[in-house]
Amino acid sequence: MSLIDTNGTAQEAAALGARAKDRAMDAVAQAVPAGKRAGATAVQGVRQGVQGAREWATPRIEQAVYDAREWAAPRIDDAAEAVTTTVAPAVSSALHATAEQVRPADPARTGIGRLLGWRWLVGAGVALAAAGAGAAIAMRRRYANATEEAKNATEAPGEDRAAQDGDASARPEVNGRVTSPGT
Protein backbone atom coordinates (compact mmCIF):
# COMPACT_ATOMS: atom_id res chain seq x y z
CA MET A 1 0.00 0.00 0.00
CA SER A 2 1.25 3.32 -0.82
CA LEU A 3 1.16 6.50 1.14
CA ILE A 4 -1.14 8.08 -1.38
CA ASP A 5 -3.66 5.27 -1.13
CA THR A 6 -3.75 5.53 2.66
CA ASN A 7 -4.41 9.28 2.53
CA GLY A 8 -7.25 8.80 0.13
CA THR A 9 -8.89 6.29 2.39
CA ALA A 10 -8.51 8.55 5.43
CA GLN A 11 -10.00 11.47 3.61
CA GLU A 12 -12.84 9.36 2.36
CA ALA A 13 -13.45 8.11 5.86
CA ALA A 14 -13.47 11.65 7.22
CA ALA A 15 -15.85 12.75 4.53
CA LEU A 16 -18.05 9.74 5.20
CA GLY A 17 -18.07 10.54 8.94
CA ALA A 18 -19.01 14.15 8.27
CA ARG A 19 -21.89 13.09 6.05
CA ALA A 20 -23.09 10.57 8.68
CA LYS A 21 -22.93 13.26 11.34
CA ASP A 22 -24.98 15.61 9.17
CA ARG A 23 -27.57 12.93 8.48
CA ALA A 24 -27.75 12.10 12.19
CA MET A 25 -28.26 15.76 13.02
CA ASP A 26 -31.02 15.96 10.39
CA ALA A 27 -32.63 12.81 11.86
CA VAL A 28 -32.47 14.28 15.38
CA ALA A 29 -33.90 17.53 14.13
CA GLN A 30 -36.82 15.61 12.67
CA ALA A 31 -37.15 13.11 15.57
CA VAL A 32 -37.39 15.64 18.42
CA PRO A 33 -40.52 17.36 17.13
CA ALA A 34 -42.00 13.98 16.20
CA GLY A 35 -41.24 12.71 19.72
CA LYS A 36 -42.80 15.79 21.25
CA ARG A 37 -45.90 15.32 19.11
CA ALA A 38 -46.06 11.63 20.06
CA GLY A 39 -45.64 12.46 23.75
CA ALA A 40 -48.34 15.13 23.61
CA THR A 41 -50.61 12.74 21.74
CA ALA A 42 -49.93 10.02 24.32
CA VAL A 43 -50.64 12.38 27.21
CA GLN A 44 -53.82 13.55 25.51
CA GLY A 45 -54.83 9.92 24.96
CA VAL A 46 -54.18 9.06 28.60
CA ARG A 47 -56.19 12.08 29.75
CA GLN A 48 -59.07 11.11 27.50
CA GLY A 49 -58.84 7.52 28.77
CA VAL A 50 -58.88 8.62 32.39
CA GLN A 51 -61.82 10.94 31.73
CA GLY A 52 -63.70 8.16 30.01
CA ALA A 53 -62.94 5.74 32.85
CA ARG A 54 -64.10 8.33 35.39
CA GLU A 55 -67.33 8.94 33.49
CA TRP A 56 -67.93 5.19 33.30
CA ALA A 57 -66.99 4.41 36.94
CA THR A 58 -68.63 7.33 38.78
CA PRO A 59 -72.26 6.16 38.59
CA ARG A 60 -71.25 2.57 39.33
CA ILE A 61 -69.22 3.58 42.39
CA GLU A 62 -72.01 5.85 43.65
CA GLN A 63 -74.53 3.01 43.28
CA ALA A 64 -72.18 0.59 45.08
CA VAL A 65 -71.74 3.03 47.97
CA TYR A 66 -75.51 3.57 48.18
CA ASP A 67 -76.14 -0.19 48.19
CA ALA A 68 -73.50 -0.75 50.86
CA ARG A 69 -74.97 1.97 53.08
CA GLU A 70 -78.48 0.63 52.56
CA TRP A 71 -77.30 -2.85 53.59
CA ALA A 72 -75.22 -1.67 56.56
CA ALA A 73 -77.68 0.77 58.22
CA PRO A 74 -80.16 -1.81 59.61
CA ARG A 75 -77.33 -4.05 60.79
CA ILE A 76 -75.72 -1.14 62.64
CA ASP A 77 -79.08 -0.35 64.27
CA ASP A 78 -79.44 -3.99 65.37
CA ALA A 79 -75.92 -3.98 66.76
CA ALA A 80 -76.60 -0.74 68.66
CA GLU A 81 -79.76 -2.23 70.18
CA ALA A 82 -77.91 -5.40 71.17
CA VAL A 83 -75.14 -3.40 72.81
CA THR A 84 -77.66 -1.22 74.64
CA THR A 85 -79.55 -4.17 76.11
CA THR A 86 -76.66 -6.53 76.86
CA VAL A 87 -73.34 -4.78 77.11
CA ALA A 88 -74.35 -1.30 78.27
CA PRO A 89 -75.64 -2.32 81.72
CA ALA A 90 -72.49 -4.31 82.38
CA VAL A 91 -70.30 -1.47 81.15
CA SER A 92 -72.29 1.03 83.18
CA SER A 93 -71.96 -0.95 86.42
CA ALA A 94 -68.27 -1.52 85.74
CA LEU A 95 -67.79 2.21 85.23
CA HIS A 96 -69.67 3.00 88.46
CA ALA A 97 -67.53 0.49 90.38
CA THR A 98 -64.37 1.92 88.88
CA ALA A 99 -65.48 5.45 89.75
CA GLU A 100 -65.98 4.38 93.37
CA GLN A 101 -62.50 2.88 93.45
CA VAL A 102 -60.93 5.92 91.84
CA ARG A 103 -62.79 8.52 93.93
CA PRO A 104 -60.42 9.96 96.54
CA ALA A 105 -61.29 9.56 100.20
CA ASP A 106 -63.21 12.55 101.56
CA PRO A 107 -61.15 13.96 104.44
CA ALA A 108 -64.37 14.73 106.36
CA ARG A 109 -65.49 11.10 105.98
CA THR A 110 -62.55 9.42 107.73
CA GLY A 111 -62.04 8.81 111.43
CA ILE A 112 -63.90 11.29 113.64
CA GLY A 113 -65.46 12.98 110.62
CA ARG A 114 -67.21 9.73 109.66
CA LEU A 115 -68.46 9.25 113.22
CA LEU A 116 -69.72 12.80 113.38
CA GLY A 117 -71.76 12.66 110.18
CA TRP A 118 -75.04 14.56 110.27
CA ARG A 119 -77.19 11.42 110.50
CA TRP A 120 -75.23 10.12 113.46
CA LEU A 121 -75.40 13.51 115.16
CA VAL A 122 -79.17 13.72 114.66
CA GLY A 123 -79.60 10.21 116.12
CA ALA A 124 -77.41 11.04 119.10
CA GLY A 125 -79.35 14.28 119.64
CA VAL A 126 -82.68 12.44 119.60
CA ALA A 127 -81.35 9.83 122.04
CA LEU A 128 -80.03 12.54 124.38
CA ALA A 129 -83.32 14.44 124.20
CA ALA A 130 -85.25 11.27 125.06
CA ALA A 131 -82.90 10.51 127.97
CA GLY A 132 -83.22 14.10 129.23
CA ALA A 133 -87.00 13.96 129.01
CA GLY A 134 -87.02 10.65 130.91
CA ALA A 135 -84.73 12.08 133.57
CA ALA A 136 -86.91 15.19 133.90
CA ILE A 137 -90.04 13.07 134.34
CA ALA A 138 -88.31 10.86 136.92
CA MET A 139 -87.05 13.91 138.84
CA ARG A 140 -90.49 15.51 138.79
CA ARG A 141 -92.07 12.32 140.17
CA ARG A 142 -89.38 12.02 142.82
CA TYR A 143 -89.94 15.67 143.79
CA ALA A 144 -93.69 15.14 143.94
CA ASN A 145 -93.24 12.03 146.09
CA ALA A 146 -90.77 13.77 148.37
CA THR A 147 -93.11 16.75 148.73
CA GLU A 148 -95.99 14.43 149.55
CA GLU A 149 -93.94 12.55 152.12
CA ALA A 150 -92.80 15.80 153.72
CA LYS A 151 -96.37 16.96 153.89
CA ASN A 152 -97.44 13.69 155.43
CA ALA A 153 -94.56 13.79 157.89
CA THR A 154 -95.50 17.26 159.12
CA GLU A 155 -99.17 16.42 159.45
CA ALA A 156 -98.72 12.95 160.83
CA PRO A 157 -97.90 13.83 164.46
CA GLY A 158 -101.07 15.85 164.89
CA GLU A 159 -103.12 13.23 163.18
CA ASP A 160 -101.42 10.45 165.12
CA ARG A 161 -102.41 12.09 168.38
CA ALA A 162 -105.92 12.57 167.17
CA ALA A 163 -105.94 9.03 165.90
CA GLN A 164 -104.51 7.79 169.22
CA ASP A 165 -107.04 9.79 171.15
CA GLY A 166 -109.98 8.79 169.01
CA ASP A 167 -108.99 5.38 167.69
CA ALA A 168 -106.48 3.18 169.38
CA SER A 169 -106.36 0.70 166.57
CA ALA A 170 -104.74 3.13 164.06
CA ARG A 171 -100.96 3.08 164.23
CA PRO A 172 -98.19 4.71 162.21
CA GLU A 173 -95.85 2.67 160.06
CA VAL A 174 -92.13 3.14 159.55
CA ASN A 175 -92.64 5.41 156.55
CA GLY A 176 -94.88 7.71 158.56
CA ARG A 177 -98.21 6.66 157.11
CA VAL A 178 -101.06 5.81 159.36
CA THR A 179 -102.95 2.66 158.57
CA SER A 180 -105.91 1.07 160.15
CA PRO A 181 -105.84 -2.64 160.90
CA GLY A 182 -108.46 -3.39 158.22
CA THR A 183 -106.51 -1.95 155.37
C-alpha atoms as a PDB file:
ATOM      1  CA  MET A   1       0.000   0.000   0.000  1.00  0.00           C
ATOM      2  CA  SER A   2       1.250   3.324  -0.817  1.00  0.00           C
ATOM      3  CA  LEU A   3       1.157   6.503   1.143  1.00  0.00           C
ATOM      4  CA  ILE A   4      -1.144   8.084  -1.382  1.00  0.00           C
ATOM      5  CA  ASP A   5      -3.657   5.270  -1.132  1.00  0.00           C
ATOM      6  CA  THR A   6      -3.746   5.527   2.657  1.00  0.00           C
ATOM      7  CA  ASN A   7      -4.414   9.276   2.534  1.00  0.00           C
ATOM      8  CA  GLY A   8      -7.251   8.798   0.135  1.00  0.00           C
ATOM      9  CA  THR A   9      -8.893   6.290   2.393  1.00  0.00           C
ATOM     10  CA  ALA A  10      -8.514   8.546   5.432  1.00  0.00           C
ATOM     11  CA  GLN A  11     -10.004  11.475   3.609  1.00  0.00           C
ATOM     12  CA  GLU A  12     -12.845   9.359   2.359  1.00  0.00           C
ATOM     13  CA  ALA A  13     -13.455   8.107   5.863  1.00  0.00           C
ATOM     14  CA  ALA A  14     -13.473  11.649   7.224  1.00  0.00           C
ATOM     15  CA  ALA A  15     -15.855  12.754   4.527  1.00  0.00           C
ATOM     16  CA  LEU A  16     -18.046   9.740   5.199  1.00  0.00           C
ATOM     17  CA  GLY A  17     -18.072  10.542   8.945  1.00  0.00           C
ATOM     18  CA  ALA A  18     -19.010  14.151   8.270  1.00  0.00           C
ATOM     19  CA  ARG A  19     -21.892  13.088   6.050  1.00  0.00           C
ATOM     20  CA  ALA A  20     -23.087  10.574   8.678  1.00  0.00           C
ATOM     21  CA  LYS A  21     -22.928  13.260  11.336  1.00  0.00           C
ATOM     22  CA  ASP A  22     -24.977  15.612   9.172  1.00  0.00           C
ATOM     23  CA  ARG A  23     -27.566  12.932   8.479  1.00  0.00           C
ATOM     24  CA  ALA A  24     -27.753  12.100  12.194  1.00  0.00           C
ATOM     25  CA  MET A  25     -28.260  15.762  13.015  1.00  0.00           C
ATOM     26  CA  ASP A  26     -31.021  15.964  10.395  1.00  0.00           C
ATOM     27  CA  ALA A  27     -32.634  12.806  11.863  1.00  0.00           C
ATOM     28  CA  VAL A  28     -32.470  14.275  15.382  1.00  0.00           C
ATOM     29  CA  ALA A  29     -33.897  17.533  14.134  1.00  0.00           C
ATOM     30  CA  GLN A  30     -36.822  15.612  12.674  1.00  0.00           C
ATOM     31  CA  ALA A  31     -37.150  13.113  15.569  1.00  0.00           C
ATOM     32  CA  VAL A  32     -37.389  15.644  18.420  1.00  0.00           C
ATOM     33  CA  PRO A  33     -40.523  17.362  17.129  1.00  0.00           C
ATOM     34  CA  ALA A  34     -42.003  13.977  16.200  1.00  0.00           C
ATOM     35  CA  GLY A  35     -41.245  12.711  19.722  1.00  0.00           C
ATOM     36  CA  LYS A  36     -42.805  15.787  21.251  1.00  0.00           C
ATOM     37  CA  ARG A  37     -45.900  15.315  19.110  1.00  0.00           C
ATOM     38  CA  ALA A  38     -46.055  11.625  20.058  1.00  0.00           C
ATOM     39  CA  GLY A  39     -45.643  12.459  23.753  1.00  0.00           C
ATOM     40  CA  ALA A  40     -48.338  15.129  23.607  1.00  0.00           C
ATOM     41  CA  THR A  41     -50.609  12.741  21.737  1.00  0.00           C
ATOM     42  CA  ALA A  42     -49.926  10.016  24.319  1.00  0.00           C
ATOM     43  CA  VAL A  43     -50.639  12.377  27.212  1.00  0.00           C
ATOM     44  CA  GLN A  44     -53.821  13.548  25.515  1.00  0.00           C
ATOM     45  CA  GLY A  45     -54.833   9.917  24.957  1.00  0.00           C
ATOM     46  CA  VAL A  46     -54.178   9.061  28.602  1.00  0.00           C
ATOM     47  CA  ARG A  47     -56.192  12.084  29.749  1.00  0.00           C
ATOM     48  CA  GLN A  48     -59.068  11.105  27.503  1.00  0.00           C
ATOM     49  CA  GLY A  49     -58.838   7.518  28.766  1.00  0.00           C
ATOM     50  CA  VAL A  50     -58.880   8.617  32.391  1.00  0.00           C
ATOM     51  CA  GLN A  51     -61.823  10.943  31.728  1.00  0.00           C
ATOM     52  CA  GLY A  52     -63.700   8.155  30.011  1.00  0.00           C
ATOM     53  CA  ALA A  53     -62.944   5.742  32.849  1.00  0.00           C
ATOM     54  CA  ARG A  54     -64.101   8.333  35.393  1.00  0.00           C
ATOM     55  CA  GLU A  55     -67.333   8.940  33.493  1.00  0.00           C
ATOM     56  CA  TRP A  56     -67.930   5.188  33.297  1.00  0.00           C
ATOM     57  CA  ALA A  57     -66.991   4.407  36.945  1.00  0.00           C
ATOM     58  CA  THR A  58     -68.628   7.331  38.776  1.00  0.00           C
ATOM     59  CA  PRO A  59     -72.260   6.163  38.591  1.00  0.00           C
ATOM     60  CA  ARG A  60     -71.252   2.572  39.328  1.00  0.00           C
ATOM     61  CA  ILE A  61     -69.222   3.576  42.392  1.00  0.00           C
ATOM     62  CA  GLU A  62     -72.012   5.855  43.648  1.00  0.00           C
ATOM     63  CA  GLN A  63     -74.526   3.015  43.279  1.00  0.00           C
ATOM     64  CA  ALA A  64     -72.178   0.587  45.076  1.00  0.00           C
ATOM     65  CA  VAL A  65     -71.740   3.031  47.969  1.00  0.00           C
ATOM     66  CA  TYR A  66     -75.514   3.572  48.183  1.00  0.00           C
ATOM     67  CA  ASP A  67     -76.144  -0.189  48.186  1.00  0.00           C
ATOM     68  CA  ALA A  68     -73.497  -0.751  50.858  1.00  0.00           C
ATOM     69  CA  ARG A  69     -74.971   1.969  53.081  1.00  0.00           C
ATOM     70  CA  GLU A  70     -78.483   0.632  52.561  1.00  0.00           C
ATOM     71  CA  TRP A  71     -77.298  -2.853  53.591  1.00  0.00           C
ATOM     72  CA  ALA A  72     -75.220  -1.672  56.560  1.00  0.00           C
ATOM     73  CA  ALA A  73     -77.679   0.766  58.219  1.00  0.00           C
ATOM     74  CA  PRO A  74     -80.160  -1.811  59.609  1.00  0.00           C
ATOM     75  CA  ARG A  75     -77.330  -4.048  60.786  1.00  0.00           C
ATOM     76  CA  ILE A  76     -75.719  -1.145  62.643  1.00  0.00           C
ATOM     77  CA  ASP A  77     -79.080  -0.352  64.270  1.00  0.00           C
ATOM     78  CA  ASP A  78     -79.445  -3.993  65.368  1.00  0.00           C
ATOM     79  CA  ALA A  79     -75.916  -3.978  66.764  1.00  0.00           C
ATOM     80  CA  ALA A  80     -76.597  -0.745  68.662  1.00  0.00           C
ATOM     81  CA  GLU A  81     -79.757  -2.231  70.184  1.00  0.00           C
ATOM     82  CA  ALA A  82     -77.911  -5.405  71.171  1.00  0.00           C
ATOM     83  CA  VAL A  83     -75.139  -3.405  72.810  1.00  0.00           C
ATOM     84  CA  THR A  84     -77.663  -1.222  74.643  1.00  0.00           C
ATOM     85  CA  THR A  85     -79.547  -4.173  76.114  1.00  0.00           C
ATOM     86  CA  THR A  86     -76.661  -6.527  76.857  1.00  0.00           C
ATOM     87  CA  VAL A  87     -73.340  -4.780  77.112  1.00  0.00           C
ATOM     88  CA  ALA A  88     -74.351  -1.298  78.267  1.00  0.00           C
ATOM     89  CA  PRO A  89     -75.635  -2.323  81.716  1.00  0.00           C
ATOM     90  CA  ALA A  90     -72.486  -4.306  82.384  1.00  0.00           C
ATOM     91  CA  VAL A  91     -70.298  -1.470  81.153  1.00  0.00           C
ATOM     92  CA  SER A  92     -72.294   1.031  83.182  1.00  0.00           C
ATOM     93  CA  SER A  93     -71.962  -0.951  86.420  1.00  0.00           C
ATOM     94  CA  ALA A  94     -68.271  -1.521  85.739  1.00  0.00           C
ATOM     95  CA  LEU A  95     -67.788   2.211  85.226  1.00  0.00           C
ATOM     96  CA  HIS A  96     -69.665   3.003  88.459  1.00  0.00           C
ATOM     97  CA  ALA A  97     -67.526   0.490  90.377  1.00  0.00           C
ATOM     98  CA  THR A  98     -64.370   1.922  88.878  1.00  0.00           C
ATOM     99  CA  ALA A  99     -65.476   5.448  89.755  1.00  0.00           C
ATOM    100  CA  GLU A 100     -65.981   4.376  93.371  1.00  0.00           C
ATOM    101  CA  GLN A 101     -62.496   2.877  93.448  1.00  0.00           C
ATOM    102  CA  VAL A 102     -60.925   5.923  91.836  1.00  0.00           C
ATOM    103  CA  ARG A 103     -62.794   8.522  93.926  1.00  0.00           C
ATOM    104  CA  PRO A 104     -60.417   9.958  96.545  1.00  0.00           C
ATOM    105  CA  ALA A 105     -61.287   9.560 100.202  1.00  0.00           C
ATOM    106  CA  ASP A 106     -63.205  12.545 101.559  1.00  0.00           C
ATOM    107  CA  PRO A 107     -61.153  13.962 104.440  1.00  0.00           C
ATOM    108  CA  ALA A 108     -64.366  14.725 106.360  1.00  0.00           C
ATOM    109  CA  ARG A 109     -65.490  11.103 105.983  1.00  0.00           C
ATOM    110  CA  THR A 110     -62.550   9.419 107.731  1.00  0.00           C
ATOM    111  CA  GLY A 111     -62.044   8.813 111.431  1.00  0.00           C
ATOM    112  CA  ILE A 112     -63.901  11.285 113.637  1.00  0.00           C
ATOM    113  CA  GLY A 113     -65.456  12.980 110.616  1.00  0.00           C
ATOM    114  CA  ARG A 114     -67.209   9.733 109.659  1.00  0.00           C
ATOM    115  CA  LEU A 115     -68.456   9.247 113.221  1.00  0.00           C
ATOM    116  CA  LEU A 116     -69.720  12.802 113.378  1.00  0.00           C
ATOM    117  CA  GLY A 117     -71.759  12.660 110.183  1.00  0.00           C
ATOM    118  CA  TRP A 118     -75.040  14.559 110.271  1.00  0.00           C
ATOM    119  CA  ARG A 119     -77.185  11.417 110.502  1.00  0.00           C
ATOM    120  CA  TRP A 120     -75.231  10.125 113.459  1.00  0.00           C
ATOM    121  CA  LEU A 121     -75.404  13.505 115.156  1.00  0.00           C
ATOM    122  CA  VAL A 122     -79.173  13.715 114.661  1.00  0.00           C
ATOM    123  CA  GLY A 123     -79.599  10.214 116.124  1.00  0.00           C
ATOM    124  CA  ALA A 124     -77.413  11.042 119.102  1.00  0.00           C
ATOM    125  CA  GLY A 125     -79.347  14.277 119.642  1.00  0.00           C
ATOM    126  CA  VAL A 126     -82.676  12.443 119.604  1.00  0.00           C
ATOM    127  CA  ALA A 127     -81.346   9.830 122.045  1.00  0.00           C
ATOM    128  CA  LEU A 128     -80.025  12.539 124.383  1.00  0.00           C
ATOM    129  CA  ALA A 129     -83.315  14.438 124.198  1.00  0.00           C
ATOM    130  CA  ALA A 130     -85.251  11.266 125.065  1.00  0.00           C
ATOM    131  CA  ALA A 131     -82.897  10.511 127.966  1.00  0.00           C
ATOM    132  CA  GLY A 132     -83.219  14.098 129.227  1.00  0.00           C
ATOM    133  CA  ALA A 133     -87.005  13.960 129.005  1.00  0.00           C
ATOM    134  CA  GLY A 134     -87.018  10.650 130.907  1.00  0.00           C
ATOM    135  CA  ALA A 135     -84.726  12.077 133.565  1.00  0.00           C
ATOM    136  CA  ALA A 136     -86.908  15.191 133.904  1.00  0.00           C
ATOM    137  CA  ILE A 137     -90.036  13.073 134.338  1.00  0.00           C
ATOM    138  CA  ALA A 138     -88.311  10.864 136.918  1.00  0.00           C
ATOM    139  CA  MET A 139     -87.047  13.907 138.842  1.00  0.00           C
ATOM    140  CA  ARG A 140     -90.489  15.513 138.790  1.00  0.00           C
ATOM    141  CA  ARG A 141     -92.073  12.322 140.169  1.00  0.00           C
ATOM    142  CA  ARG A 142     -89.377  12.018 142.816  1.00  0.00           C
ATOM    143  CA  TYR A 143     -89.940  15.671 143.786  1.00  0.00           C
ATOM    144  CA  ALA A 144     -93.688  15.142 143.936  1.00  0.00           C
ATOM    145  CA  ASN A 145     -93.243  12.027 146.087  1.00  0.00           C
ATOM    146  CA  ALA A 146     -90.772  13.773 148.374  1.00  0.00           C
ATOM    147  CA  THR A 147     -93.106  16.745 148.729  1.00  0.00           C
ATOM    148  CA  GLU A 148     -95.994  14.431 149.555  1.00  0.00           C
ATOM    149  CA  GLU A 149     -93.943  12.549 152.123  1.00  0.00           C
ATOM    150  CA  ALA A 150     -92.795  15.803 153.718  1.00  0.00           C
ATOM    151  CA  LYS A 151     -96.372  16.964 153.892  1.00  0.00           C
ATOM    152  CA  ASN A 152     -97.441  13.687 155.434  1.00  0.00           C
ATOM    153  CA  ALA A 153     -94.564  13.793 157.886  1.00  0.00           C
ATOM    154  CA  THR A 154     -95.497  17.256 159.117  1.00  0.00           C
ATOM    155  CA  GLU A 155     -99.168  16.417 159.454  1.00  0.00           C
ATOM    156  CA  ALA A 156     -98.719  12.948 160.833  1.00  0.00           C
ATOM    157  CA  PRO A 157     -97.903  13.829 164.464  1.00  0.00           C
ATOM    158  CA  GLY A 158    -101.067  15.850 164.893  1.00  0.00           C
ATOM    159  CA  GLU A 159    -103.125  13.227 163.177  1.00  0.00           C
ATOM    160  CA  ASP A 160    -101.422  10.453 165.121  1.00  0.00           C
ATOM    161  CA  ARG A 161    -102.409  12.091 168.377  1.00  0.00           C
ATOM    162  CA  ALA A 162    -105.920  12.567 167.165  1.00  0.00           C
ATOM    163  CA  ALA A 163    -105.937   9.032 165.904  1.00  0.00           C
ATOM    164  CA  GLN A 164    -104.511   7.787 169.219  1.00  0.00           C
ATOM    165  CA  ASP A 165    -107.038   9.787 171.152  1.00  0.00           C
ATOM    166  CA  GLY A 166    -109.984   8.794 169.013  1.00  0.00           C
ATOM    167  CA  ASP A 167    -108.991   5.384 167.688  1.00  0.00           C
ATOM    168  CA  ALA A 168    -106.483   3.184 169.383  1.00  0.00           C
ATOM    169  CA  SER A 169    -106.363   0.697 166.567  1.00  0.00           C
ATOM    170  CA  ALA A 170    -104.738   3.127 164.061  1.00  0.00           C
ATOM    171  CA  ARG A 171    -100.959   3.077 164.232  1.00  0.00           C
ATOM    172  CA  PRO A 172     -98.193   4.711 162.205  1.00  0.00           C
ATOM    173  CA  GLU A 173     -95.845   2.670 160.065  1.00  0.00           C
ATOM    174  CA  VAL A 174     -92.128   3.137 159.552  1.00  0.00           C
ATOM    175  CA  ASN A 175     -92.642   5.407 156.554  1.00  0.00           C
ATOM    176  CA  GLY A 176     -94.878   7.708 158.563  1.00  0.00           C
ATOM    177  CA  ARG A 177     -98.212   6.661 157.111  1.00  0.00           C
ATOM    178  CA  VAL A 178    -101.056   5.814 159.356  1.00  0.00           C
ATOM    179  CA  THR A 179    -102.950   2.665 158.570  1.00  0.00           C
ATOM    180  CA  SER A 180    -105.907   1.068 160.149  1.00  0.00           C
ATOM    181  CA  PRO A 181    -105.837  -2.642 160.898  1.00  0.00           C
ATOM    182  CA  GLY A 182    -108.465  -3.393 158.215  1.00  0.00           C
ATOM    183  CA  THR A 183    -106.507  -1.953 155.371  1.00  0.00           C
END
